[in-house]
Each structure stands twice: as C-alpha cells, then as structure tokens.
Amino acid sequence: MLEEFSGKAENLIIEYDQLMVALRRQDVAADIESAQLMLREHSRLRENIEIAEVDSLVQMAQVILERLDYSRNLAGRNAISE
C-alpha cells in the first residue's frame, strides 16, 4: 500500500507541475475567438487541478497512518507485557 501511495503521489505531483506550466503560459490571442478558446482551456485546466486525485491520496494516507499507529500501539503493548 505504501508503494502504491508513493507512486500515485509522484504521478500527481508530475501532473500538477504540468498543469501549472500550462496555466502560467502567457500566450497572447490574436483575436476574440482564440482568446475565448484560451479562456475555456484555462478553466478546464483549473478544474483538473481542483478535482485531481488528492482526495484519494488523502484517504490512502489516512489508512497508512492508522496502520502505523496501530502497529506502534501494538509494539508498545508487547514491550510493556514483556
């Protein structure tokens, strides 16, 4: 599970970086039609950032942290009983 989380997090960072580069482009539209097209594309890219797999990663991270906490508590109990 940790490897899967790391892989997804890495892919999300790469995707985020690519989106940020696209959003930072400062192309100048030649006419109103191309400006409107660029605005729609910009909006689409912003939506992709907002609905990225962040929620899924947060849930996976929470599960990992819960498992680590459980393991730590179990190890602590075993040390006390010895």
PDB file of N, CA and C in Angstrom:
ATOM      1  N   MET A   1       0.819  -1.186   0.000  1.00  0.00           N
ATOM      2  CA  MET A   1       0.000   0.000   0.000  1.00  0.00           C
ATOM      3  C   MET A   1       0.871   1.261   0.000  1.00  0.00           C
ATOM      4  N   LEU A   2       1.974   1.229   0.713  1.00  0.00           N
ATOM      5  CA  LEU A   2       2.857   2.388   0.773  1.00  0.00           C
ATOM      6  C   LEU A   2       3.466   2.677  -0.597  1.00  0.00           C
ATOM      7  N   GLU A   3       3.839   1.611  -1.323  1.00  0.00           N
ATOM      8  CA  GLU A   3       4.397   1.800  -2.664  1.00  0.00           C
ATOM      9  C   GLU A   3       3.351   2.398  -3.598  1.00  0.00           C
ATOM     10  N   GLU A   4       2.119   1.919  -3.483  1.00  0.00           N
ATOM     11  CA  GLU A   4       1.033   2.441  -4.320  1.00  0.00           C
ATOM     12  C   GLU A   4       0.798   3.921  -4.011  1.00  0.00           C
ATOM     13  N   PHE A   5       0.792   4.260  -2.740  1.00  0.00           N
ATOM     14  CA  PHE A   5       0.609   5.655  -2.334  1.00  0.00           C
ATOM     15  C   PHE A   5       1.732   6.529  -2.884  1.00  0.00           C
ATOM     16  N   SER A   6       2.965   6.056  -2.740  1.00  0.00           N
ATOM     17  CA  SER A   6       4.112   6.825  -3.237  1.00  0.00           C
ATOM     18  C   SER A   6       4.028   7.041  -4.738  1.00  0.00           C
ATOM     19  N   GLY A   7       3.665   5.996  -5.465  1.00  0.00           N
ATOM     20  CA  GLY A   7       3.545   6.102  -6.917  1.00  0.00           C
ATOM     21  C   GLY A   7       2.467   7.074  -7.332  1.00  0.00           C
ATOM     22  N   LYS A   8       1.300   6.983  -6.674  1.00  0.00           N
ATOM     23  CA  LYS A   8       0.210   7.904  -7.006  1.00  0.00           C
ATOM     24  C   LYS A   8       0.568   9.336  -6.641  1.00  0.00           C
ATOM     25  N   ALA A   9       1.231   9.518  -5.515  1.00  0.00           N
ATOM     26  CA  ALA A   9       1.634  10.866  -5.105  1.00  0.00           C
ATOM     27  C   ALA A   9       2.630  11.441  -6.104  1.00  0.00           C
ATOM     28  N   GLU A  10       3.568  10.628  -6.536  1.00  0.00           N
ATOM     29  CA  GLU A  10       4.554  11.094  -7.515  1.00  0.00           C
ATOM     30  C   GLU A  10       3.878  11.471  -8.836  1.00  0.00           C
ATOM     31  N   ASN A  11       2.950  10.641  -9.294  1.00  0.00           N
ATOM     32  CA  ASN A  11       2.225  10.945 -10.533  1.00  0.00           C
ATOM     33  C   ASN A  11       1.407  12.219 -10.395  1.00  0.00           C
ATOM     34  N   LEU A  12       0.813  12.415  -9.237  1.00  0.00           N
ATOM     35  CA  LEU A  12       0.015  13.614  -9.010  1.00  0.00           C
ATOM     36  C   LEU A  12       0.893  14.864  -9.020  1.00  0.00           C
ATOM     37  N   ILE A  13       2.063  14.766  -8.454  1.00  0.00           N
ATOM     38  CA  ILE A  13       2.990  15.902  -8.454  1.00  0.00           C
ATOM     39  C   ILE A  13       3.419  16.233  -9.886  1.00  0.00           C
ATOM     40  N   ILE A  14       3.701  15.220 -10.674  1.00  0.00           N
ATOM     41  CA  ILE A  14       4.091  15.437 -12.073  1.00  0.00           C
ATOM     42  C   ILE A  14       2.945  16.093 -12.835  1.00  0.00           C
ATOM     43  N   GLU A  15       1.719  15.571 -12.650  1.00  0.00           N
ATOM     44  CA  GLU A  15       0.555  16.141 -13.321  1.00  0.00           C
ATOM     45  C   GLU A  15       0.331  17.586 -12.881  1.00  0.00           C
ATOM     46  N   TYR A  16       0.466  17.839 -11.607  1.00  0.00           N
ATOM     47  CA  TYR A  16       0.303  19.192 -11.080  1.00  0.00           C
ATOM     48  C   TYR A  16       1.324  20.144 -11.705  1.00  0.00           C
ATOM     49  N   ASP A  17       2.580  19.704 -11.767  1.00  0.00           N
ATOM     50  CA  ASP A  17       3.622  20.540 -12.373  1.00  0.00           C
ATOM     51  C   ASP A  17       3.306  20.858 -13.828  1.00  0.00           C
ATOM     52  N   GLN A  18       2.832  19.860 -14.574  1.00  0.00           N
ATOM     53  CA  GLN A  18       2.490  20.079 -15.975  1.00  0.00           C
ATOM     54  C   GLN A  18       1.332  21.060 -16.104  1.00  0.00           C
ATOM     55  N   LEU A  19       0.334  20.928 -15.242  1.00  0.00           N
ATOM     56  CA  LEU A  19      -0.795  21.844 -15.277  1.00  0.00           C
ATOM     57  C   LEU A  19      -0.369  23.262 -14.927  1.00  0.00           C
ATOM     58  N   MET A  20       0.510  23.397 -13.948  1.00  0.00           N
ATOM     59  CA  MET A  20       0.975  24.726 -13.563  1.00  0.00           C
ATOM     60  C   MET A  20       1.741  25.388 -14.699  1.00  0.00           C
ATOM     61  N   VAL A  21       2.552  24.635 -15.412  1.00  0.00           N
ATOM     62  CA  VAL A  21       3.268  25.184 -16.567  1.00  0.00           C
ATOM     63  C   VAL A  21       2.262  25.659 -17.613  1.00  0.00           C
ATOM     64  N   ALA A  22       1.237  24.843 -17.859  1.00  0.00           N
ATOM     65  CA  ALA A  22       0.225  25.220 -18.846  1.00  0.00           C
ATOM     66  C   ALA A  22      -0.537  26.467 -18.407  1.00  0.00           C
ATOM     67  N   LEU A  23      -0.828  26.574 -17.118  1.00  0.00           N
ATOM     68  CA  LEU A  23      -1.574  27.734 -16.631  1.00  0.00           C
ATOM     69  C   LEU A  23      -0.735  29.005 -16.633  1.00  0.00           C
ATOM     70  N   ARG A  24       0.568  28.857 -16.529  1.00  0.00           N
ATOM     71  CA  ARG A  24       1.452  30.033 -16.489  1.00  0.00           C
ATOM     72  C   ARG A  24       1.817  30.562 -17.871  1.00  0.00           C
ATOM     73  N   ARG A  25       1.453  29.813 -18.903  1.00  0.00           N
ATOM     74  CA  ARG A  25       1.734  30.284 -20.259  1.00  0.00           C
ATOM     75  C   ARG A  25       1.120  31.648 -20.450  1.00  0.00           C
ATOM     76  N   GLN A  26       1.820  32.487 -21.104  1.00  0.00           N
ATOM     77  CA  GLN A  26       1.309  33.837 -21.322  1.00  0.00           C
ATOM     78  C   GLN A  26       1.169  34.108 -22.818  1.00  0.00           C
ATOM     79  N   ASP A  27       0.525  33.173 -23.479  1.00  0.00           N
ATOM     80  CA  ASP A  27       0.257  33.362 -24.901  1.00  0.00           C
ATOM     81  C   ASP A  27      -0.721  34.527 -25.072  1.00  0.00           C
ATOM     82  N   VAL A  28      -0.554  35.233 -26.156  1.00  0.00           N
ATOM     83  CA  VAL A  28      -1.450  36.345 -26.461  1.00  0.00           C
ATOM     84  C   VAL A  28      -2.320  35.918 -27.642  1.00  0.00           C
ATOM     85  N   ALA A  29      -3.610  36.044 -27.453  1.00  0.00           N
ATOM     86  CA  ALA A  29      -4.544  35.647 -28.503  1.00  0.00           C
ATOM     87  C   ALA A  29      -4.532  36.675 -29.629  1.00  0.00           C
ATOM     88  N   ALA A  30      -4.705  36.164 -30.828  1.00  0.00           N
ATOM     89  CA  ALA A  30      -4.710  37.042 -31.996  1.00  0.00           C
ATOM     90  C   ALA A  30      -6.067  37.706 -32.204  1.00  0.00           C
ATOM     91  N   ASP A  31      -7.144  37.059 -31.741  1.00  0.00           N
ATOM     92  CA  ASP A  31      -8.478  37.624 -31.909  1.00  0.00           C
ATOM     93  C   ASP A  31      -9.379  37.168 -30.764  1.00  0.00           C
ATOM     94  N   ILE A  32     -10.604  37.639 -30.780  1.00  0.00           N
ATOM     95  CA  ILE A  32     -11.534  37.336 -29.684  1.00  0.00           C
ATOM     96  C   ILE A  32     -11.848  35.847 -29.622  1.00  0.00           C
ATOM     97  N   GLU A  33     -12.031  35.225 -30.759  1.00  0.00           N
ATOM     98  CA  GLU A  33     -12.360  33.797 -30.778  1.00  0.00           C
ATOM     99  C   GLU A  33     -11.246  32.966 -30.138  1.00  0.00           C
ATOM    100  N   SER A  34     -10.011  33.248 -30.494  1.00  0.00           N
ATOM    101  CA  SER A  34      -8.911  32.477 -29.910  1.00  0.00           C
ATOM    102  C   SER A  34      -8.743  32.829 -28.425  1.00  0.00           C
ATOM    103  N   ALA A  35      -9.047  34.048 -28.034  1.00  0.00           N
ATOM    104  CA  ALA A  35      -8.989  34.425 -26.619  1.00  0.00           C
ATOM    105  C   ALA A  35     -10.035  33.650 -25.829  1.00  0.00           C
ATOM    106  N   GLN A  36     -11.229  33.512 -26.380  1.00  0.00           N
ATOM    107  CA  GLN A  36     -12.274  32.747 -25.701  1.00  0.00           C
ATOM    108  C   GLN A  36     -11.882  31.281 -25.586  1.00  0.00           C
ATOM    109  N   LEU A  37     -11.289  30.749 -26.625  1.00  0.00           N
ATOM    110  CA  LEU A  37     -10.824  29.366 -26.599  1.00  0.00           C
ATOM    111  C   LEU A  37      -9.761  29.181 -25.518  1.00  0.00           C
ATOM    112  N   MET A  38      -8.839  30.124 -25.431  1.00  0.00           N
ATOM    113  CA  MET A  38      -7.793  30.046 -24.406  1.00  0.00           C
ATOM    114  C   MET A  38      -8.389  30.139 -23.006  1.00  0.00           C
ATOM    115  N   LEU A  39      -9.405  30.981 -22.821  1.00  0.00           N
ATOM    116  CA  LEU A  39     -10.059  31.082 -21.512  1.00  0.00           C
ATOM    117  C   LEU A  39     -10.760  29.781 -21.135  1.00  0.00           C
ATOM    118  N   ARG A  40     -11.414  29.152 -22.107  1.00  0.00           N
ATOM    119  CA  ARG A  40     -12.072  27.861 -21.833  1.00  0.00           C
ATOM    120  C   ARG A  40     -11.039  26.807 -21.460  1.00  0.00           C
ATOM    121  N   GLU A  41      -9.933  26.781 -22.178  1.00  0.00           N
ATOM    122  CA  GLU A  41      -8.869  25.812 -21.879  1.00  0.00           C
ATOM    123  C   GLU A  41      -8.289  26.080 -20.495  1.00  0.00           C
ATOM    124  N   HIS A  42      -8.095  27.332 -20.160  1.00  0.00           N
ATOM    125  CA  HIS A  42      -7.590  27.704 -18.851  1.00  0.00           C
ATOM    126  C   HIS A  42      -8.547  27.230 -17.754  1.00  0.00           C
ATOM    127  N   SER A  43      -9.828  27.431 -17.961  1.00  0.00           N
ATOM    128  CA  SER A  43     -10.839  26.989 -16.992  1.00  0.00           C
ATOM    129  C   SER A  43     -10.830  25.475 -16.843  1.00  0.00           C
ATOM    130  N   ARG A  44     -10.698  24.782 -17.972  1.00  0.00           N
ATOM    131  CA  ARG A  44     -10.659  23.310 -17.933  1.00  0.00           C
ATOM    132  C   ARG A  44      -9.459  22.835 -17.131  1.00  0.00           C
ATOM    133  N   LEU A  45      -8.303  23.453 -17.337  1.00  0.00           N
ATOM    134  CA  LEU A  45      -7.101  23.075 -16.604  1.00  0.00           C
ATOM    135  C   LEU A  45      -7.261  23.346 -15.109  1.00  0.00           C
ATOM    136  N   ARG A  46      -7.872  24.455 -14.769  1.00  0.00           N
ATOM    137  CA  ARG A  46      -8.103  24.769 -13.350  1.00  0.00           C
ATOM    138  C   ARG A  46      -9.007  23.730 -12.704  1.00  0.00           C
ATOM    139  N   GLU A  47     -10.036  23.295 -13.433  1.00  0.00           N
ATOM    140  CA  GLU A  47     -10.933  22.261 -12.906  1.00  0.00           C
ATOM    141  C   GLU A  47     -10.173  20.962 -12.688  1.00  0.00           C
ATOM    142  N   ASN A  48      -9.263  20.628 -13.592  1.00  0.00           N
ATOM    143  CA  ASN A  48      -8.469  19.407 -13.435  1.00  0.00           C
ATOM    144  C   ASN A  48      -7.646  19.463 -12.167  1.00  0.00           C
ATOM    145  N   ILE A  49      -7.119  20.624 -11.860  1.00  0.00           N
ATOM    146  CA  ILE A  49      -6.329  20.760 -10.643  1.00  0.00           C
ATOM    147  C   ILE A  49      -7.229  20.557  -9.427  1.00  0.00           C
ATOM    148  N   GLU A  50      -8.411  21.141  -9.470  1.00  0.00           N
ATOM    149  CA  GLU A  50      -9.315  21.068  -8.335  1.00  0.00           C
ATOM    150  C   GLU A  50      -9.844  19.663  -8.092  1.00  0.00           C
ATOM    151  N   ILE A  51     -10.049  18.886  -9.148  1.00  0.00           N
ATOM    152  CA  ILE A  51     -10.624  17.561  -8.966  1.00  0.00           C
ATOM    153  C   ILE A  51      -9.572  16.458  -9.123  1.00  0.00           C
ATOM    154  N   ALA A  52      -8.334  16.806  -8.926  1.00  0.00           N
ATOM    155  CA  ALA A  52      -7.257  15.830  -9.024  1.00  0.00           C
ATOM    156  C   ALA A  52      -7.448  14.757  -7.960  1.00  0.00           C
ATOM    157  N   GLU A  53      -6.643  13.762  -8.001  1.00  0.00           N
ATOM    158  CA  GLU A  53      -6.789  12.618  -7.116  1.00  0.00           C
ATOM    159  C   GLU A  53      -6.311  12.901  -5.693  1.00  0.00           C
ATOM    160  N   VAL A  54      -6.374  14.127  -5.286  1.00  0.00           N
ATOM    161  CA  VAL A  54      -5.910  14.496  -3.957  1.00  0.00           C
ATOM    162  C   VAL A  54      -6.738  13.798  -2.888  1.00  0.00           C
ATOM    163  N   ASP A  55      -8.052  13.774  -3.054  1.00  0.00           N
ATOM    164  CA  ASP A  55      -8.910  13.135  -2.060  1.00  0.00           C
ATOM    165  C   ASP A  55      -8.557  11.665  -1.881  1.00  0.00           C
ATOM    166  N   SER A  56      -8.315  10.995  -2.984  1.00  0.00           N
ATOM    167  CA  SER A  56      -7.933   9.583  -2.922  1.00  0.00           C
ATOM    168  C   SER A  56      -6.618   9.405  -2.169  1.00  0.00           C
ATOM    169  N   LEU A  57      -5.653  10.282  -2.442  1.00  0.00           N
ATOM    170  CA  LEU A  57      -4.372  10.199  -1.744  1.00  0.00           C
ATOM    171  C   LEU A  57      -4.512  10.501  -0.257  1.00  0.00           C
ATOM    172  N   VAL A  58      -5.367  11.435   0.072  1.00  0.00           N
ATOM    173  CA  VAL A  58      -5.591  11.767   1.481  1.00  0.00           C
ATOM    174  C   VAL A  58      -6.175  10.558   2.205  1.00  0.00           C
ATOM    175  N   GLN A  59      -7.115   9.882   1.579  1.00  0.00           N
ATOM    176  CA  GLN A  59      -7.709   8.694   2.191  1.00  0.00           C
ATOM    177  C   GLN A  59      -6.663   7.590   2.359  1.00  0.00           C
ATOM    178  N   MET A  60      -5.838   7.381   1.339  1.00  0.00           N
ATOM    179  CA  MET A  60      -4.788   6.363   1.438  1.00  0.00           C
ATOM    180  C   MET A  60      -3.802   6.715   2.546  1.00  0.00           C
ATOM    181  N   ALA A  61      -3.441   7.986   2.638  1.00  0.00           N
ATOM    182  CA  ALA A  61      -2.513   8.423   3.680  1.00  0.00           C
ATOM    183  C   ALA A  61      -3.116   8.187   5.058  1.00  0.00           C
ATOM    184  N   GLN A  62      -4.396   8.433   5.200  1.00  0.00           N
ATOM    185  CA  GLN A  62      -5.064   8.226   6.478  1.00  0.00           C
ATOM    186  C   GLN A  62      -5.026   6.753   6.871  1.00  0.00           C
ATOM    187  N   VAL A  63      -5.266   5.871   5.924  1.00  0.00           N
ATOM    188  CA  VAL A  63      -5.212   4.432   6.197  1.00  0.00           C
ATOM    189  C   VAL A  63      -3.803   4.024   6.612  1.00  0.00           C
ATOM    190  N   ILE A  64      -2.805   4.536   5.908  1.00  0.00           N
ATOM    191  CA  ILE A  64      -1.416   4.214   6.246  1.00  0.00           C
ATOM    192  C   ILE A  64      -1.085   4.704   7.644  1.00  0.00           C
ATOM    193  N   LEU A  65      -1.472   5.920   7.961  1.00  0.00           N
ATOM    194  CA  LEU A  65      -1.199   6.462   9.297  1.00  0.00           C
ATOM    195  C   LEU A  65      -1.910   5.662  10.382  1.00  0.00           C
ATOM    196  N   GLU A  66      -3.130   5.245  10.125  1.00  0.00           N
ATOM    197  CA  GLU A  66      -3.856   4.423  11.094  1.00  0.00           C
ATOM    198  C   GLU A  66      -3.153   3.095  11.311  1.00  0.00           C
ATOM    199  N   ARG A  67      -2.665   2.500  10.232  1.00  0.00           N
ATOM    200  CA  ARG A  67      -1.944   1.221  10.366  1.00  0.00           C
ATOM    201  C   ARG A  67      -0.644   1.405  11.139  1.00  0.00           C
ATOM    202  N   LEU A  68       0.061   2.492  10.852  1.00  0.00           N
ATOM    203  CA  LEU A  68       1.301   2.757  11.590  1.00  0.00           C
ATOM    204  C   LEU A  68       1.019   2.989  13.069  1.00  0.00           C
ATOM    205  N   ASP A  69      -0.034   3.732  13.357  1.00  0.00           N
ATOM    206  CA  ASP A  69      -0.411   3.991  14.744  1.00  0.00           C
ATOM    207  C   ASP A  69      -0.794   2.702  15.445  1.00  0.00           C
ATOM    208  N   TYR A  70      -1.556   1.854  14.760  1.00  0.00           N
ATOM    209  CA  TYR A  70      -1.940   0.567  15.329  1.00  0.00           C
ATOM    210  C   TYR A  70      -0.707  -0.282  15.615  1.00  0.00           C
ATOM    211  N   SER A  71       0.219  -0.319  14.661  1.00  0.00           N
ATOM    212  CA  SER A  71       1.454  -1.100  14.843  1.00  0.00           C
ATOM    213  C   SER A  71       2.270  -0.556  16.006  1.00  0.00           C
ATOM    214  N   ARG A  72       2.351   0.751  16.120  1.00  0.00           N
ATOM    215  CA  ARG A  72       3.100   1.374  17.204  1.00  0.00           C
ATOM    216  C   ARG A  72       2.453   1.038  18.554  1.00  0.00           C
ATOM    217  N   ASN A  73       1.129   1.132  18.617  1.00  0.00           N
ATOM    218  CA  ASN A  73       0.420   0.798  19.858  1.00  0.00           C
ATOM    219  C   ASN A  73       0.596  -0.673  20.213  1.00  0.00           C
ATOM    220  N   LEU A  74       0.541  -1.539  19.225  1.00  0.00           N
ATOM    221  CA  LEU A  74       0.712  -2.973  19.451  1.00  0.00           C
ATOM    222  C   LEU A  74       2.129  -3.263  19.943  1.00  0.00           C
ATOM    223  N   ALA A  75       3.121  -2.614  19.353  1.00  0.00           N
ATOM    224  CA  ALA A  75       4.513  -2.806  19.777  1.00  0.00           C
ATOM    225  C   ALA A  75       4.706  -2.299  21.203  1.00  0.00           C
ATOM    226  N   GLY A  76       4.068  -1.192  21.543  1.00  0.00           N
ATOM    227  CA  GLY A  76       4.161  -0.652  22.896  1.00  0.00           C
ATOM    228  C   GLY A  76       3.554  -1.570  23.910  1.00  0.00           C
ATOM    229  N   ARG A  77       2.431  -2.174  23.581  1.00  0.00           N
ATOM    230  CA  ARG A  77       1.772  -3.148  24.493  1.00  0.00           C
ATOM    231  C   ARG A  77       2.652  -4.367  24.695  1.00  0.00           C
ATOM    232  N   ASN A  78       3.259  -4.830  23.607  1.00  0.00           N
ATOM    233  CA  ASN A  78       4.121  -6.008  23.725  1.00  0.00           C
ATOM    234  C   ASN A  78       5.327  -5.710  24.583  1.00  0.00           C
ATOM    235  N   ALA A  79       5.876  -4.512  24.485  1.00  0.00           N
ATOM    236  CA  ALA A  79       7.048  -4.148  25.294  1.00  0.00           C
ATOM    237  C   ALA A  79       6.658  -4.060  26.771  1.00  0.00           C
ATOM    238  N   ILE A  80       5.473  -3.581  27.063  1.00  0.00           N
ATOM    239  CA  ILE A  80       5.018  -3.483  28.465  1.00  0.00           C
ATOM    240  C   ILE A  80       4.777  -4.859  29.056  1.00  0.00           C
ATOM    241  N   SER A  81       4.239  -5.777  28.271  1.00  0.00           N
ATOM    242  CA  SER A  81       3.915  -7.107  28.800  1.00  0.00           C
ATOM    243  C   SER A  81       5.134  -7.987  28.942  1.00  0.00           C
ATOM    244  N   GLU A  82       6.247  -7.598  28.384  1.00  0.00           N
ATOM    245  CA  GLU A  82       7.470  -8.425  28.500  1.00  0.00           C
ATOM    246  C   GLU A  82       8.158  -8.113  29.740  1.00  0.00           C
TER     247      GLU A  82
END
